[in-house]
Amino acid sequence: PSDRYGATGGGWLVVDGFDRVLDGSWEFPTHDFAALVGQSLGVGFSTASNEAVAEGNIKLGDFEYVLWLLGDESTQDITFSESERSAVESFLNGGGRLVVSGSEVGWATNADWLDDVLHASLAADDAGTLSVESWTVGTEYPEDYPDVLRGDQVIWEWATGGAAAVGWNGRVVVVGFGVENLGANDRNEALADLMDWLGG
């Protein structure tokens, strides 16, 4: 079996980088999160695996916006491989706009690269809450350690304080939890908010 994807075509690419199975909070070998998130965008989108990006079969530069899903991938899973980091850097240098979401993105991503390229850093490994803005995280799978982040601009805050999402220059957003882990209505609202922030 394989993960289920969706596509309608358009300026958004949803990259499924959530490869952690069996030892994480999601207990099944496959998921349909990329399709769910793409549908919640409410605009045309395509979907690709992170492996397809790493191998050069999908060019991020063919899209204006990229939403990269990491779920709860941690250090053992490698949030961004060397080739993926290179693809992201080229995309951003070419003017692309990027959203990265994952509950361990701050914890598990190389700190220098996170700061230099995604313009974010880890403030704390656990927000101590599942409430962010008016939404609740953890509807698809248990959310154990959502990241608290630092960045140039705070977009969303945890109920306990600290940034749940940060942005840079209207072009890069880092979210400290998996956006797929919001309920459908919350996910629609959250993604609409991010799209508005990115001008998309």
N, C-alpha and C. Protein backbone atom coordinates (compact mmCIF):
# COMPACT_ATOMS: atom_id res chain seq x y z
N PRO A 1 0.84 -1.21 0.00
CA PRO A 1 0.00 0.00 0.00
C PRO A 1 0.87 1.25 0.00
N SER A 2 0.31 2.33 -0.50
CA SER A 2 1.06 3.58 -0.57
C SER A 2 0.22 4.70 0.02
N ASP A 3 0.87 5.81 0.33
CA ASP A 3 0.15 6.99 0.78
C ASP A 3 -0.76 7.48 -0.33
N ARG A 4 -1.89 8.07 0.07
CA ARG A 4 -2.83 8.57 -0.92
C ARG A 4 -2.60 10.06 -1.13
N TYR A 5 -2.49 10.42 -2.42
CA TYR A 5 -2.26 11.80 -2.79
C TYR A 5 -3.46 12.32 -3.58
N GLY A 6 -3.49 13.64 -3.75
CA GLY A 6 -4.52 14.25 -4.57
C GLY A 6 -3.89 15.36 -5.39
N ALA A 7 -4.55 15.76 -6.44
CA ALA A 7 -4.03 16.85 -7.27
C ALA A 7 -5.14 17.41 -8.15
N THR A 8 -5.14 18.72 -8.28
CA THR A 8 -6.07 19.39 -9.20
C THR A 8 -5.32 20.29 -10.16
N GLY A 9 -4.01 20.44 -9.94
CA GLY A 9 -3.21 21.34 -10.76
C GLY A 9 -3.30 22.76 -10.25
N GLY A 10 -2.21 23.49 -10.35
CA GLY A 10 -2.21 24.87 -9.88
C GLY A 10 -0.86 25.27 -9.35
N GLY A 11 -0.84 26.40 -8.64
CA GLY A 11 0.41 26.99 -8.21
C GLY A 11 0.98 26.46 -6.92
N TRP A 12 0.24 25.58 -6.21
CA TRP A 12 0.70 25.02 -4.94
C TRP A 12 1.19 23.59 -5.13
N LEU A 13 2.30 23.28 -4.47
CA LEU A 13 2.78 21.90 -4.38
C LEU A 13 2.80 21.50 -2.92
N VAL A 14 2.11 20.40 -2.59
CA VAL A 14 2.17 19.82 -1.25
C VAL A 14 3.19 18.69 -1.28
N VAL A 15 4.25 18.82 -0.49
CA VAL A 15 5.29 17.79 -0.43
C VAL A 15 5.04 16.93 0.81
N ASP A 16 4.87 15.65 0.60
CA ASP A 16 4.66 14.72 1.70
C ASP A 16 6.01 14.22 2.19
N GLY A 17 6.51 14.84 3.25
CA GLY A 17 7.76 14.41 3.84
C GLY A 17 7.57 13.66 5.14
N PHE A 18 6.33 13.25 5.41
CA PHE A 18 6.00 12.56 6.66
C PHE A 18 6.21 11.06 6.47
N ASP A 19 7.44 10.61 6.71
CA ASP A 19 7.79 9.21 6.48
C ASP A 19 7.89 8.40 7.77
N ARG A 20 7.69 9.03 8.89
CA ARG A 20 7.83 8.30 10.15
C ARG A 20 6.62 7.38 10.37
N VAL A 21 6.90 6.10 10.51
CA VAL A 21 5.83 5.12 10.75
C VAL A 21 6.26 4.18 11.87
N LEU A 22 5.30 3.62 12.52
CA LEU A 22 5.45 2.56 13.52
C LEU A 22 6.00 3.04 14.87
N ASP A 23 6.99 3.95 14.90
CA ASP A 23 7.53 4.37 16.19
C ASP A 23 7.10 5.78 16.57
N GLY A 24 6.19 6.38 15.80
CA GLY A 24 5.71 7.72 16.10
C GLY A 24 4.27 7.71 16.56
N SER A 25 3.65 8.87 16.56
CA SER A 25 2.26 8.98 17.01
C SER A 25 1.27 8.42 16.00
N TRP A 26 1.61 8.50 14.71
CA TRP A 26 0.76 7.91 13.67
C TRP A 26 1.12 6.43 13.59
N GLU A 27 0.16 5.55 13.80
CA GLU A 27 0.44 4.13 14.01
C GLU A 27 0.25 3.25 12.78
N PHE A 28 0.04 3.87 11.62
CA PHE A 28 -0.25 3.09 10.43
C PHE A 28 0.83 3.31 9.37
N PRO A 29 1.00 2.35 8.44
CA PRO A 29 2.09 2.48 7.46
C PRO A 29 1.83 3.49 6.35
N THR A 30 0.57 3.89 6.16
CA THR A 30 0.25 4.85 5.10
C THR A 30 -0.68 5.92 5.66
N HIS A 31 -0.81 7.02 4.89
CA HIS A 31 -1.74 8.08 5.30
C HIS A 31 -2.20 8.84 4.06
N ASP A 32 -3.20 9.70 4.27
CA ASP A 32 -3.71 10.53 3.17
C ASP A 32 -3.60 12.01 3.51
N PHE A 33 -2.62 12.36 4.35
CA PHE A 33 -2.51 13.73 4.85
C PHE A 33 -2.24 14.75 3.75
N ALA A 34 -1.42 14.41 2.78
CA ALA A 34 -1.12 15.36 1.70
C ALA A 34 -2.38 15.71 0.92
N ALA A 35 -3.22 14.71 0.68
CA ALA A 35 -4.47 14.97 -0.02
C ALA A 35 -5.40 15.84 0.81
N LEU A 36 -5.51 15.54 2.11
CA LEU A 36 -6.37 16.32 2.98
C LEU A 36 -5.93 17.78 3.05
N VAL A 37 -4.63 17.98 3.21
CA VAL A 37 -4.11 19.35 3.30
C VAL A 37 -4.30 20.07 1.97
N GLY A 38 -4.03 19.39 0.87
CA GLY A 38 -4.23 20.01 -0.44
C GLY A 38 -5.66 20.46 -0.65
N GLN A 39 -6.61 19.62 -0.27
CA GLN A 39 -8.02 19.98 -0.42
C GLN A 39 -8.37 21.18 0.45
N SER A 40 -7.74 21.27 1.63
CA SER A 40 -8.04 22.37 2.54
C SER A 40 -7.50 23.71 2.03
N LEU A 41 -6.58 23.67 1.10
CA LEU A 41 -6.08 24.92 0.52
C LEU A 41 -7.19 25.66 -0.24
N GLY A 42 -8.08 24.90 -0.83
CA GLY A 42 -9.18 25.52 -1.58
C GLY A 42 -8.78 26.10 -2.92
N VAL A 43 -7.58 25.78 -3.38
CA VAL A 43 -7.10 26.24 -4.68
C VAL A 43 -6.44 25.05 -5.37
N GLY A 44 -6.02 25.25 -6.61
CA GLY A 44 -5.36 24.18 -7.34
C GLY A 44 -4.05 23.77 -6.69
N PHE A 45 -3.79 22.48 -6.64
CA PHE A 45 -2.56 22.00 -6.01
C PHE A 45 -2.10 20.70 -6.67
N SER A 46 -0.84 20.41 -6.51
CA SER A 46 -0.26 19.13 -6.88
C SER A 46 0.38 18.54 -5.64
N THR A 47 0.73 17.26 -5.70
CA THR A 47 1.31 16.57 -4.56
C THR A 47 2.52 15.77 -5.01
N ALA A 48 3.53 15.70 -4.15
CA ALA A 48 4.72 14.91 -4.45
C ALA A 48 5.29 14.36 -3.15
N SER A 49 5.98 13.25 -3.24
CA SER A 49 6.72 12.75 -2.09
C SER A 49 8.02 13.53 -1.96
N ASN A 50 8.57 13.56 -0.76
CA ASN A 50 9.85 14.22 -0.58
C ASN A 50 10.95 13.49 -1.35
N GLU A 51 10.80 12.17 -1.52
CA GLU A 51 11.78 11.42 -2.30
C GLU A 51 11.82 11.88 -3.75
N ALA A 52 10.65 12.19 -4.32
CA ALA A 52 10.61 12.67 -5.70
C ALA A 52 11.32 14.00 -5.84
N VAL A 53 11.21 14.85 -4.81
CA VAL A 53 11.93 16.13 -4.82
C VAL A 53 13.43 15.88 -4.68
N ALA A 54 13.81 15.00 -3.74
CA ALA A 54 15.23 14.73 -3.49
C ALA A 54 15.91 14.15 -4.72
N GLU A 55 15.18 13.33 -5.47
CA GLU A 55 15.76 12.69 -6.65
C GLU A 55 15.70 13.56 -7.89
N GLY A 56 15.11 14.74 -7.78
CA GLY A 56 15.04 15.67 -8.90
C GLY A 56 13.92 15.40 -9.87
N ASN A 57 13.02 14.48 -9.55
CA ASN A 57 11.90 14.18 -10.44
C ASN A 57 10.82 15.26 -10.40
N ILE A 58 10.74 15.97 -9.29
CA ILE A 58 9.83 17.10 -9.13
C ILE A 58 10.67 18.33 -8.85
N LYS A 59 10.44 19.39 -9.61
CA LYS A 59 11.18 20.64 -9.44
C LYS A 59 10.33 21.63 -8.66
N LEU A 60 10.79 22.01 -7.47
CA LEU A 60 10.04 22.97 -6.68
C LEU A 60 9.83 24.28 -7.44
N GLY A 61 10.80 24.63 -8.25
CA GLY A 61 10.72 25.88 -9.00
C GLY A 61 9.60 25.94 -10.02
N ASP A 62 8.96 24.81 -10.30
CA ASP A 62 7.81 24.81 -11.21
C ASP A 62 6.55 25.33 -10.52
N PHE A 63 6.66 25.60 -9.23
CA PHE A 63 5.50 26.05 -8.46
C PHE A 63 5.84 27.36 -7.76
N GLU A 64 4.80 28.13 -7.48
CA GLU A 64 4.99 29.40 -6.78
C GLU A 64 5.01 29.19 -5.27
N TYR A 65 4.22 28.22 -4.81
CA TYR A 65 4.09 27.96 -3.38
C TYR A 65 4.34 26.48 -3.11
N VAL A 66 5.05 26.21 -2.01
CA VAL A 66 5.29 24.84 -1.57
C VAL A 66 4.90 24.72 -0.10
N LEU A 67 4.13 23.68 0.21
CA LEU A 67 3.76 23.35 1.59
C LEU A 67 4.38 22.00 1.91
N TRP A 68 5.37 21.98 2.81
CA TRP A 68 6.14 20.78 3.09
C TRP A 68 5.69 20.18 4.42
N LEU A 69 5.13 18.98 4.38
CA LEU A 69 4.61 18.32 5.57
C LEU A 69 5.67 17.39 6.17
N LEU A 70 5.91 17.54 7.48
CA LEU A 70 6.87 16.69 8.17
C LEU A 70 6.24 15.86 9.29
N GLY A 71 4.97 16.10 9.59
CA GLY A 71 4.30 15.33 10.63
C GLY A 71 5.06 15.41 11.94
N ASP A 72 5.39 14.24 12.52
CA ASP A 72 6.20 14.23 13.74
C ASP A 72 7.57 13.59 13.50
N GLU A 73 8.08 13.74 12.28
CA GLU A 73 9.43 13.24 12.00
C GLU A 73 10.44 13.88 12.94
N SER A 74 11.34 13.05 13.48
CA SER A 74 12.35 13.54 14.40
C SER A 74 13.74 13.28 13.84
N THR A 75 14.74 13.29 14.69
CA THR A 75 16.13 13.23 14.22
C THR A 75 16.43 11.94 13.46
N GLN A 76 15.89 10.82 13.91
CA GLN A 76 16.18 9.55 13.24
C GLN A 76 15.61 9.51 11.82
N ASP A 77 14.51 10.23 11.60
CA ASP A 77 13.85 10.20 10.29
C ASP A 77 14.47 11.18 9.29
N ILE A 78 15.18 12.17 9.79
CA ILE A 78 15.82 13.22 8.98
C ILE A 78 14.75 14.10 8.33
N THR A 79 14.50 15.24 8.93
CA THR A 79 13.47 16.14 8.41
C THR A 79 13.81 16.62 7.00
N PHE A 80 15.05 17.04 6.78
CA PHE A 80 15.49 17.47 5.44
C PHE A 80 16.85 16.85 5.15
N SER A 81 16.91 16.03 4.11
CA SER A 81 18.18 15.47 3.68
C SER A 81 19.01 16.55 2.98
N GLU A 82 20.24 16.24 2.69
CA GLU A 82 21.11 17.21 2.03
C GLU A 82 20.54 17.64 0.68
N SER A 83 20.03 16.69 -0.09
CA SER A 83 19.47 17.04 -1.41
C SER A 83 18.17 17.82 -1.27
N GLU A 84 17.40 17.52 -0.23
CA GLU A 84 16.17 18.28 0.00
C GLU A 84 16.48 19.70 0.43
N ARG A 85 17.49 19.85 1.27
CA ARG A 85 17.91 21.20 1.68
C ARG A 85 18.35 22.01 0.47
N SER A 86 19.08 21.37 -0.42
CA SER A 86 19.53 22.07 -1.63
C SER A 86 18.35 22.51 -2.49
N ALA A 87 17.36 21.63 -2.63
CA ALA A 87 16.17 21.96 -3.43
C ALA A 87 15.41 23.12 -2.82
N VAL A 88 15.28 23.11 -1.50
CA VAL A 88 14.56 24.19 -0.81
C VAL A 88 15.32 25.51 -0.97
N GLU A 89 16.63 25.48 -0.82
CA GLU A 89 17.41 26.69 -0.96
C GLU A 89 17.27 27.28 -2.36
N SER A 90 17.35 26.43 -3.37
CA SER A 90 17.22 26.91 -4.76
C SER A 90 15.84 27.50 -4.99
N PHE A 91 14.82 26.86 -4.44
CA PHE A 91 13.44 27.35 -4.57
C PHE A 91 13.30 28.73 -3.95
N LEU A 92 13.81 28.91 -2.74
CA LEU A 92 13.68 30.20 -2.08
C LEU A 92 14.54 31.26 -2.76
N ASN A 93 15.72 30.89 -3.20
CA ASN A 93 16.57 31.85 -3.92
C ASN A 93 15.93 32.30 -5.23
N GLY A 94 15.06 31.45 -5.79
CA GLY A 94 14.35 31.80 -7.01
C GLY A 94 13.07 32.57 -6.77
N GLY A 95 12.79 32.91 -5.52
CA GLY A 95 11.60 33.72 -5.22
C GLY A 95 10.39 32.94 -4.77
N GLY A 96 10.52 31.62 -4.58
CA GLY A 96 9.39 30.82 -4.15
C GLY A 96 8.97 31.12 -2.72
N ARG A 97 7.75 30.68 -2.39
CA ARG A 97 7.19 30.90 -1.05
C ARG A 97 6.89 29.54 -0.43
N LEU A 98 7.26 29.40 0.84
CA LEU A 98 7.32 28.09 1.46
C LEU A 98 6.64 28.07 2.82
N VAL A 99 5.89 26.99 3.08
CA VAL A 99 5.38 26.67 4.41
C VAL A 99 5.94 25.31 4.79
N VAL A 100 6.54 25.21 5.97
CA VAL A 100 7.01 23.95 6.51
C VAL A 100 6.27 23.70 7.81
N SER A 101 5.69 22.51 7.97
CA SER A 101 4.99 22.22 9.22
C SER A 101 5.40 20.87 9.76
N GLY A 102 5.58 20.82 11.09
CA GLY A 102 5.93 19.57 11.75
C GLY A 102 6.19 19.80 13.22
N SER A 103 5.81 18.83 14.03
CA SER A 103 5.92 19.00 15.48
C SER A 103 7.34 18.88 15.99
N GLU A 104 8.27 18.40 15.15
CA GLU A 104 9.67 18.30 15.56
C GLU A 104 10.60 19.05 14.61
N VAL A 105 10.02 19.94 13.81
CA VAL A 105 10.85 20.63 12.82
C VAL A 105 11.94 21.46 13.49
N GLY A 106 11.62 22.10 14.61
CA GLY A 106 12.63 22.86 15.33
C GLY A 106 13.62 21.98 16.06
N TRP A 107 13.14 20.90 16.61
CA TRP A 107 13.96 19.98 17.38
C TRP A 107 14.92 19.18 16.49
N ALA A 108 14.42 18.71 15.35
CA ALA A 108 15.16 17.71 14.56
C ALA A 108 15.92 18.28 13.37
N THR A 109 15.67 19.51 12.99
CA THR A 109 16.33 20.08 11.82
C THR A 109 17.63 20.76 12.25
N ASN A 110 18.66 20.63 11.42
CA ASN A 110 19.94 21.29 11.69
C ASN A 110 19.69 22.75 12.05
N ALA A 111 20.16 23.16 13.23
CA ALA A 111 19.83 24.48 13.76
C ALA A 111 20.36 25.61 12.87
N ASP A 112 21.56 25.45 12.34
CA ASP A 112 22.13 26.50 11.49
C ASP A 112 21.32 26.66 10.21
N TRP A 113 20.96 25.52 9.59
CA TRP A 113 20.18 25.59 8.35
C TRP A 113 18.79 26.14 8.62
N LEU A 114 18.18 25.72 9.72
CA LEU A 114 16.86 26.22 10.09
C LEU A 114 16.88 27.74 10.23
N ASP A 115 17.92 28.25 10.85
CA ASP A 115 18.04 29.69 11.08
C ASP A 115 18.38 30.42 9.79
N ASP A 116 19.38 29.92 9.06
CA ASP A 116 19.87 30.63 7.87
C ASP A 116 18.89 30.61 6.71
N VAL A 117 18.20 29.47 6.52
CA VAL A 117 17.35 29.30 5.34
C VAL A 117 15.87 29.49 5.65
N LEU A 118 15.41 28.90 6.75
CA LEU A 118 13.99 29.03 7.09
C LEU A 118 13.72 30.15 8.09
N HIS A 119 14.78 30.77 8.60
CA HIS A 119 14.66 31.93 9.48
C HIS A 119 13.80 31.64 10.71
N ALA A 120 14.06 30.48 11.32
CA ALA A 120 13.36 30.07 12.53
C ALA A 120 14.34 29.37 13.45
N SER A 121 13.97 29.28 14.73
CA SER A 121 14.77 28.53 15.69
C SER A 121 13.85 27.94 16.74
N LEU A 122 14.39 26.98 17.49
CA LEU A 122 13.61 26.29 18.52
C LEU A 122 13.71 27.05 19.84
N ALA A 123 12.54 27.35 20.41
CA ALA A 123 12.49 27.98 21.73
C ALA A 123 12.25 26.94 22.81
N ALA A 124 11.40 25.94 22.53
CA ALA A 124 11.11 24.86 23.48
C ALA A 124 10.56 23.68 22.71
N ASP A 125 10.84 22.48 23.21
CA ASP A 125 10.43 21.26 22.51
C ASP A 125 8.98 20.87 22.78
N ASP A 126 8.35 21.49 23.76
CA ASP A 126 6.97 21.12 24.09
C ASP A 126 6.22 22.37 24.53
N ALA A 127 5.16 22.70 23.80
CA ALA A 127 4.36 23.88 24.12
C ALA A 127 3.54 23.69 25.39
N GLY A 128 3.34 22.43 25.80
CA GLY A 128 2.54 22.17 26.99
C GLY A 128 1.06 22.40 26.80
N THR A 129 0.62 22.47 25.57
CA THR A 129 -0.79 22.67 25.25
C THR A 129 -1.05 22.16 23.84
N LEU A 130 -2.31 21.90 23.54
CA LEU A 130 -2.71 21.55 22.18
C LEU A 130 -3.57 22.65 21.57
N SER A 131 -3.68 23.78 22.26
CA SER A 131 -4.50 24.89 21.79
C SER A 131 -3.64 25.97 21.17
N VAL A 132 -3.95 26.29 19.93
CA VAL A 132 -3.24 27.35 19.22
C VAL A 132 -4.29 28.24 18.55
N GLU A 133 -4.21 29.54 18.83
CA GLU A 133 -5.24 30.47 18.37
C GLU A 133 -6.61 29.93 18.82
N SER A 134 -7.54 29.71 17.90
CA SER A 134 -8.85 29.16 18.26
C SER A 134 -8.98 27.69 17.88
N TRP A 135 -7.84 27.03 17.61
CA TRP A 135 -7.86 25.67 17.08
C TRP A 135 -7.24 24.68 18.06
N THR A 136 -7.52 23.42 17.82
CA THR A 136 -6.97 22.35 18.65
C THR A 136 -6.19 21.38 17.79
N VAL A 137 -4.97 21.09 18.19
CA VAL A 137 -4.09 20.17 17.48
C VAL A 137 -4.28 18.76 18.05
N GLY A 138 -4.22 17.76 17.18
CA GLY A 138 -4.25 16.38 17.65
C GLY A 138 -5.48 15.60 17.25
N THR A 139 -6.13 16.00 16.17
CA THR A 139 -7.35 15.30 15.76
C THR A 139 -7.07 14.04 14.94
N GLU A 140 -5.95 13.99 14.24
CA GLU A 140 -5.64 12.84 13.40
C GLU A 140 -4.77 11.81 14.12
N TYR A 141 -3.90 12.27 14.99
CA TYR A 141 -3.03 11.39 15.77
C TYR A 141 -2.58 12.18 17.00
N PRO A 142 -2.16 11.49 18.08
CA PRO A 142 -1.74 12.20 19.29
C PRO A 142 -0.57 13.14 19.02
N GLU A 143 -0.67 14.34 19.55
CA GLU A 143 0.40 15.32 19.42
C GLU A 143 1.13 15.41 20.75
N ASP A 144 2.34 14.88 20.80
CA ASP A 144 3.05 14.76 22.07
C ASP A 144 3.91 15.98 22.41
N TYR A 145 4.66 16.46 21.42
CA TYR A 145 5.64 17.51 21.71
C TYR A 145 5.63 18.59 20.63
N PRO A 146 4.58 19.39 20.56
CA PRO A 146 4.58 20.47 19.56
C PRO A 146 5.65 21.52 19.88
N ASP A 147 6.36 21.96 18.87
CA ASP A 147 7.47 22.89 19.04
C ASP A 147 6.99 24.31 19.34
N VAL A 148 7.75 24.97 20.18
CA VAL A 148 7.64 26.42 20.35
C VAL A 148 8.81 27.03 19.59
N LEU A 149 8.52 28.00 18.75
CA LEU A 149 9.52 28.52 17.81
C LEU A 149 9.86 29.98 18.10
N ARG A 150 10.95 30.43 17.51
CA ARG A 150 11.30 31.84 17.44
C ARG A 150 11.48 32.20 15.97
N GLY A 151 11.17 33.44 15.63
CA GLY A 151 11.37 33.89 14.26
C GLY A 151 11.16 35.39 14.14
N ASP A 152 11.32 35.90 12.95
CA ASP A 152 11.19 37.33 12.72
C ASP A 152 9.80 37.85 13.04
N GLN A 153 8.79 37.08 12.69
CA GLN A 153 7.42 37.50 12.94
C GLN A 153 6.60 36.34 13.48
N VAL A 154 5.92 36.55 14.58
CA VAL A 154 5.03 35.53 15.14
C VAL A 154 3.70 35.59 14.40
N ILE A 155 3.30 34.46 13.84
CA ILE A 155 2.02 34.38 13.11
C ILE A 155 0.93 33.80 14.00
N TRP A 156 1.24 32.70 14.69
CA TRP A 156 0.30 32.09 15.63
C TRP A 156 0.99 31.89 16.96
N GLU A 157 0.20 31.93 18.05
CA GLU A 157 0.72 31.70 19.39
C GLU A 157 0.01 30.53 20.05
N TRP A 158 0.77 29.77 20.86
CA TRP A 158 0.18 28.74 21.70
C TRP A 158 -0.58 29.38 22.85
N ALA A 159 -1.56 28.65 23.38
CA ALA A 159 -2.35 29.16 24.50
C ALA A 159 -1.47 29.40 25.72
N THR A 160 -0.37 28.68 25.85
CA THR A 160 0.55 28.84 26.96
C THR A 160 1.59 29.93 26.70
N GLY A 161 1.54 30.56 25.56
CA GLY A 161 2.53 31.56 25.18
C GLY A 161 3.60 30.96 24.29
N GLY A 162 4.28 31.79 23.55
CA GLY A 162 5.29 31.31 22.62
C GLY A 162 4.70 31.07 21.25
N ALA A 163 5.57 31.09 20.27
CA ALA A 163 5.12 31.04 18.88
C ALA A 163 4.86 29.61 18.41
N ALA A 164 3.69 29.41 17.84
CA ALA A 164 3.36 28.14 17.19
C ALA A 164 3.69 28.19 15.71
N ALA A 165 3.77 29.39 15.15
CA ALA A 165 4.16 29.57 13.75
C ALA A 165 4.86 30.91 13.61
N VAL A 166 5.94 30.91 12.84
CA VAL A 166 6.69 32.14 12.62
C VAL A 166 6.90 32.33 11.12
N GLY A 167 7.10 33.57 10.73
CA GLY A 167 7.28 33.87 9.31
C GLY A 167 8.42 34.83 9.07
N TRP A 168 8.83 34.86 7.81
CA TRP A 168 9.92 35.73 7.39
C TRP A 168 9.60 36.35 6.05
N ASN A 169 9.59 37.67 6.00
CA ASN A 169 9.58 38.43 4.75
C ASN A 169 8.40 38.11 3.84
N GLY A 170 7.30 37.63 4.40
CA GLY A 170 6.14 37.27 3.58
C GLY A 170 6.37 36.10 2.65
N ARG A 171 7.47 35.35 2.91
CA ARG A 171 7.85 34.29 1.96
C ARG A 171 8.06 32.93 2.60
N VAL A 172 8.35 32.88 3.89
CA VAL A 172 8.63 31.61 4.55
C VAL A 172 7.84 31.53 5.85
N VAL A 173 7.18 30.40 6.06
CA VAL A 173 6.47 30.14 7.31
C VAL A 173 6.92 28.80 7.85
N VAL A 174 7.20 28.75 9.15
CA VAL A 174 7.49 27.49 9.83
C VAL A 174 6.46 27.31 10.93
N VAL A 175 5.79 26.16 10.92
CA VAL A 175 4.73 25.84 11.88
C VAL A 175 5.23 24.70 12.77
N GLY A 176 5.08 24.86 14.09
CA GLY A 176 5.60 23.90 15.03
C GLY A 176 4.71 22.72 15.33
N PHE A 177 3.82 22.41 14.44
CA PHE A 177 2.99 21.20 14.52
C PHE A 177 2.57 20.84 13.10
N GLY A 178 2.09 19.63 12.92
CA GLY A 178 1.63 19.24 11.59
C GLY A 178 0.26 19.83 11.29
N VAL A 179 0.14 20.62 10.24
CA VAL A 179 -1.15 21.24 9.93
C VAL A 179 -2.21 20.20 9.59
N GLU A 180 -1.77 18.99 9.17
CA GLU A 180 -2.73 17.92 8.90
C GLU A 180 -3.42 17.45 10.18
N ASN A 181 -2.85 17.81 11.34
CA ASN A 181 -3.36 17.33 12.62
C ASN A 181 -4.40 18.25 13.23
N LEU A 182 -4.91 19.17 12.42
CA LEU A 182 -6.07 19.98 12.79
C LEU A 182 -7.33 19.34 12.22
N GLY A 183 -8.48 19.58 12.88
CA GLY A 183 -9.74 19.14 12.31
C GLY A 183 -10.02 19.87 11.01
N ALA A 184 -10.93 19.36 10.21
CA ALA A 184 -11.16 19.88 8.86
C ALA A 184 -11.46 21.37 8.86
N ASN A 185 -12.37 21.83 9.70
CA ASN A 185 -12.72 23.25 9.70
C ASN A 185 -11.56 24.11 10.19
N ASP A 186 -10.89 23.64 11.25
CA ASP A 186 -9.72 24.37 11.75
C ASP A 186 -8.62 24.42 10.71
N ARG A 187 -8.41 23.30 10.01
CA ARG A 187 -7.38 23.24 8.98
C ARG A 187 -7.68 24.20 7.85
N ASN A 188 -8.93 24.27 7.44
CA ASN A 188 -9.32 25.21 6.38
C ASN A 188 -9.02 26.64 6.80
N GLU A 189 -9.38 26.99 8.03
CA GLU A 189 -9.15 28.35 8.52
C GLU A 189 -7.66 28.65 8.64
N ALA A 190 -6.92 27.69 9.18
CA ALA A 190 -5.49 27.91 9.39
C ALA A 190 -4.76 28.10 8.06
N LEU A 191 -5.07 27.26 7.08
CA LEU A 191 -4.39 27.37 5.79
C LEU A 191 -4.80 28.64 5.06
N ALA A 192 -6.05 29.04 5.20
CA ALA A 192 -6.47 30.31 4.60
C ALA A 192 -5.69 31.47 5.21
N ASP A 193 -5.43 31.40 6.51
CA ASP A 193 -4.65 32.43 7.18
C ASP A 193 -3.21 32.48 6.65
N LEU A 194 -2.61 31.30 6.48
CA LEU A 194 -1.24 31.25 5.95
C LEU A 194 -1.17 31.72 4.51
N MET A 195 -2.16 31.31 3.72
CA MET A 195 -2.19 31.75 2.32
C MET A 195 -2.29 33.26 2.23
N ASP A 196 -3.10 33.84 3.09
CA ASP A 196 -3.26 35.30 3.10
C ASP A 196 -1.93 35.96 3.50
N TRP A 197 -1.24 35.36 4.48
CA TRP A 197 0.04 35.93 4.93
C TRP A 197 1.08 35.88 3.80
N LEU A 198 1.04 34.81 3.02
CA LEU A 198 1.98 34.65 1.92
C LEU A 198 1.53 35.37 0.65
N GLY A 199 0.35 35.92 0.67
CA GLY A 199 -0.16 36.59 -0.52
C GLY A 199 -0.66 35.66 -1.58
N GLY A 200 -1.00 34.40 -1.17
CA GLY A 200 -1.42 33.41 -2.14
C GLY A 200 -2.85 32.99 -2.00
